[in-house]
Amino acid sequence: MLVDSHCHLDFPDFADEVDDIVARAGEARVGTMVSISTHLSRFDGVRAMAERFDNVWCSVGVHPHHASEEGQDSPDRLIEMAAHPRVVGIGESGLDYYYDRSPRDRQQASFRAHIAAARETGLPLIVHAREADEDTADILRDEMGKGAYTGVMHCFSSGRGLAEAALELGL
């Protein structure tokens, strides 16, 4: 069985074909899918996909592109939303300096809140890191010093240094 650990079934582009997408995935032996949250304001749609299909689960989080509008300064809201039984991860969160669609300080604050939520819930953190290797590694290390958490590096356009840092931390 294969697992699609990162899809976005709630995106409007797929609205008319979600049933077909999930069916085709099953035909290709993809037995489990995780639909990833990018906006808290759209979480109802992400959760709805997980509730609709037995083989679909979801995460809760704010993509770094949207940190200026929806970024979190505290883990509280993420923790509350993660209590849903179909939520299996925190994120996608992290740093994206390639596009810089949100100020870097907002991305960093929201990323730290997501890490705190992952630590508190025990759910894995889903990390988006693009053109922000040093800051991503520094924040991951600093936050690990506050208590253990697990996670996966998702968007990874980086080099060996960030990969080694993530592995050293158990991600």
Protein backbone atom coordinates (compact mmCIF):
# COMPACT_ATOMS: atom_id res chain seq x y z
CA MET A 1 0.00 0.00 0.00
CA LEU A 2 1.15 3.52 -0.80
CA VAL A 3 0.50 6.65 1.26
CA ASP A 4 0.11 10.11 -0.23
CA SER A 5 1.36 12.07 2.77
CA HIS A 6 0.76 15.49 1.24
CA CYS A 7 -2.16 16.43 -0.99
CA HIS A 8 -4.62 19.31 -1.10
CA LEU A 9 -8.03 17.79 -1.84
CA ASP A 10 -9.79 20.92 -0.60
CA PHE A 11 -8.29 23.21 -3.26
CA PRO A 12 -10.98 24.77 -5.48
CA ASP A 13 -9.27 23.43 -8.63
CA PHE A 14 -10.28 19.90 -7.59
CA ALA A 15 -13.84 20.59 -6.41
CA ASP A 16 -15.53 18.91 -9.37
CA GLU A 17 -13.30 15.85 -9.43
CA VAL A 18 -12.49 14.91 -5.82
CA ASP A 19 -14.40 11.63 -6.05
CA ASP A 20 -12.49 10.69 -9.21
CA ILE A 21 -9.15 11.72 -7.68
CA VAL A 22 -9.68 9.55 -4.61
CA ALA A 23 -10.91 6.66 -6.79
CA ARG A 24 -7.89 6.91 -9.12
CA ALA A 25 -5.59 6.99 -6.10
CA GLY A 26 -7.17 3.77 -4.86
CA GLU A 27 -6.74 2.13 -8.27
CA ALA A 28 -3.05 3.09 -8.10
CA ARG A 29 -2.82 1.34 -4.69
CA VAL A 30 -2.69 4.59 -2.69
CA GLY A 31 -4.48 3.36 0.40
CA THR A 32 -4.18 6.47 2.58
CA MET A 33 -4.08 10.19 1.81
CA VAL A 34 -3.37 13.18 4.06
CA SER A 35 -5.00 16.43 2.90
CA ILE A 36 -2.87 19.29 4.17
CA SER A 37 -4.19 22.54 5.63
CA THR A 38 -2.76 25.83 4.35
CA HIS A 39 -5.28 28.28 5.89
CA LEU A 40 -7.13 28.04 9.19
CA SER A 41 -10.01 29.91 7.55
CA ARG A 42 -10.38 26.99 5.11
CA PHE A 43 -9.91 24.20 7.65
CA ASP A 44 -13.59 23.24 7.49
CA GLY A 45 -13.05 22.19 3.87
CA VAL A 46 -9.91 20.22 4.69
CA ARG A 47 -11.67 18.47 7.57
CA ALA A 48 -14.70 17.77 5.37
CA MET A 49 -12.50 15.80 2.95
CA ALA A 50 -11.18 13.69 5.81
CA GLU A 51 -14.70 13.07 7.11
CA ARG A 52 -16.03 12.23 3.65
CA PHE A 53 -13.53 9.50 2.74
CA ASP A 54 -12.46 6.68 5.07
CA ASN A 55 -8.93 6.67 3.65
CA VAL A 56 -8.35 10.45 3.90
CA TRP A 57 -6.93 12.18 6.97
CA CYS A 58 -5.92 15.81 7.43
CA SER A 59 -3.66 18.32 9.12
CA VAL A 60 -4.27 21.76 10.59
CA GLY A 61 -1.98 24.69 9.90
CA VAL A 62 -1.07 27.88 8.10
CA HIS A 63 1.31 27.88 5.12
CA PRO A 64 4.12 30.44 5.50
CA HIS A 65 2.75 32.38 2.50
CA HIS A 66 -0.33 33.18 4.60
CA ALA A 67 1.42 33.99 7.89
CA SER A 68 0.70 37.71 7.55
CA GLU A 69 -3.08 37.12 7.42
CA GLU A 70 -3.54 33.93 9.43
CA GLY A 71 -0.26 33.20 11.16
CA GLN A 72 -0.48 32.13 14.77
CA ASP A 73 1.34 33.70 17.70
CA SER A 74 0.23 30.98 20.09
CA PRO A 75 -0.41 27.27 19.65
CA ASP A 76 -3.84 27.41 21.31
CA ARG A 77 -6.08 27.56 18.23
CA LEU A 78 -4.04 24.90 16.44
CA ILE A 79 -4.23 22.61 19.47
CA GLU A 80 -7.99 23.11 19.71
CA MET A 81 -8.54 22.33 16.03
CA ALA A 82 -6.15 19.36 16.15
CA ALA A 83 -8.42 17.63 18.66
CA HIS A 84 -10.59 16.41 15.78
CA PRO A 85 -10.08 12.64 15.37
CA ARG A 86 -9.26 12.93 11.63
CA VAL A 87 -6.33 15.35 12.24
CA VAL A 88 -2.98 13.55 12.06
CA GLY A 89 -0.50 16.43 11.70
CA ILE A 90 0.31 20.08 12.39
CA GLY A 91 1.06 22.24 9.37
CA GLU A 92 1.99 22.88 6.79
CA SER A 93 4.13 25.52 8.36
CA GLY A 94 7.67 26.75 8.09
CA LEU A 95 9.61 29.41 6.23
CA ASP A 96 9.48 30.43 2.58
CA TYR A 97 11.98 33.15 1.71
CA TYR A 98 11.86 32.38 -2.02
CA TYR A 99 8.57 34.21 -2.52
CA ASP A 100 8.54 36.23 0.73
CA ARG A 101 4.75 36.56 0.53
CA SER A 102 4.62 37.19 4.28
CA PRO A 103 7.14 39.11 6.38
CA ARG A 104 9.85 36.85 7.70
CA ASP A 105 9.20 37.72 11.34
CA ARG A 106 5.53 36.67 10.93
CA GLN A 107 6.57 33.41 9.27
CA GLN A 108 9.00 32.70 12.10
CA ALA A 109 6.47 33.45 14.86
CA SER A 110 3.82 31.28 13.24
CA PHE A 111 6.33 28.48 12.65
CA ARG A 112 7.22 28.50 16.36
CA ALA A 113 3.52 28.36 17.31
CA HIS A 114 3.07 25.35 15.03
CA ILE A 115 6.06 23.62 16.61
CA ALA A 116 4.61 24.26 20.07
CA ALA A 117 1.28 22.77 18.90
CA ALA A 118 3.09 19.70 17.55
CA ARG A 119 4.94 19.31 20.84
CA GLU A 120 1.72 19.68 22.88
CA THR A 121 -0.44 17.35 20.76
CA GLY A 122 2.21 14.77 19.92
CA LEU A 123 1.27 15.09 16.24
CA PRO A 124 4.02 15.40 13.63
CA LEU A 125 4.97 18.82 12.32
CA ILE A 126 4.81 19.24 8.52
CA VAL A 127 7.67 21.58 7.60
CA HIS A 128 7.80 23.76 4.49
CA ALA A 129 11.34 25.09 3.97
CA ARG A 130 12.28 27.04 0.86
CA GLU A 131 15.37 29.22 0.56
CA ALA A 132 15.44 29.53 4.37
CA ASP A 133 17.82 26.76 5.41
CA GLU A 134 19.73 28.51 8.19
CA ASP A 135 16.70 30.07 9.88
CA THR A 136 14.70 26.83 9.55
CA ALA A 137 17.48 24.77 11.14
CA ASP A 138 18.03 27.36 13.90
CA ILE A 139 14.33 27.44 14.81
CA LEU A 140 13.98 23.65 14.70
CA ARG A 141 17.00 23.28 17.02
CA ASP A 142 15.91 26.04 19.37
CA GLU A 143 12.41 24.63 19.68
CA MET A 144 13.69 21.08 20.21
CA GLY A 145 15.54 22.48 23.21
CA LYS A 146 12.15 23.38 24.71
CA GLY A 147 10.87 19.81 24.39
CA ALA A 148 10.76 17.02 21.85
CA TYR A 149 8.46 16.92 18.83
CA THR A 150 8.35 14.88 15.63
CA GLY A 151 7.96 15.96 12.06
CA VAL A 152 8.60 15.61 8.37
CA MET A 153 10.37 17.92 5.96
CA HIS A 154 7.90 18.48 3.12
CA CYS A 155 8.91 21.29 0.78
CA PHE A 156 12.61 20.73 0.60
CA SER A 157 14.62 22.61 -2.00
CA SER A 158 17.57 22.71 0.33
CA GLY A 159 20.97 21.20 0.64
CA ARG A 160 22.72 18.68 2.80
CA GLY A 161 23.05 21.01 5.83
CA LEU A 162 19.32 21.31 6.48
CA ALA A 163 18.82 17.60 5.78
CA GLU A 164 21.48 16.71 8.33
CA ALA A 165 20.02 19.14 10.90
CA ALA A 166 16.55 17.64 10.46
CA LEU A 167 17.90 14.10 10.79
CA GLU A 168 19.92 15.01 13.89
CA LEU A 169 16.66 16.24 15.47
CA GLY A 170 14.83 13.03 14.58
CA LEU A 171 12.70 14.48 11.79
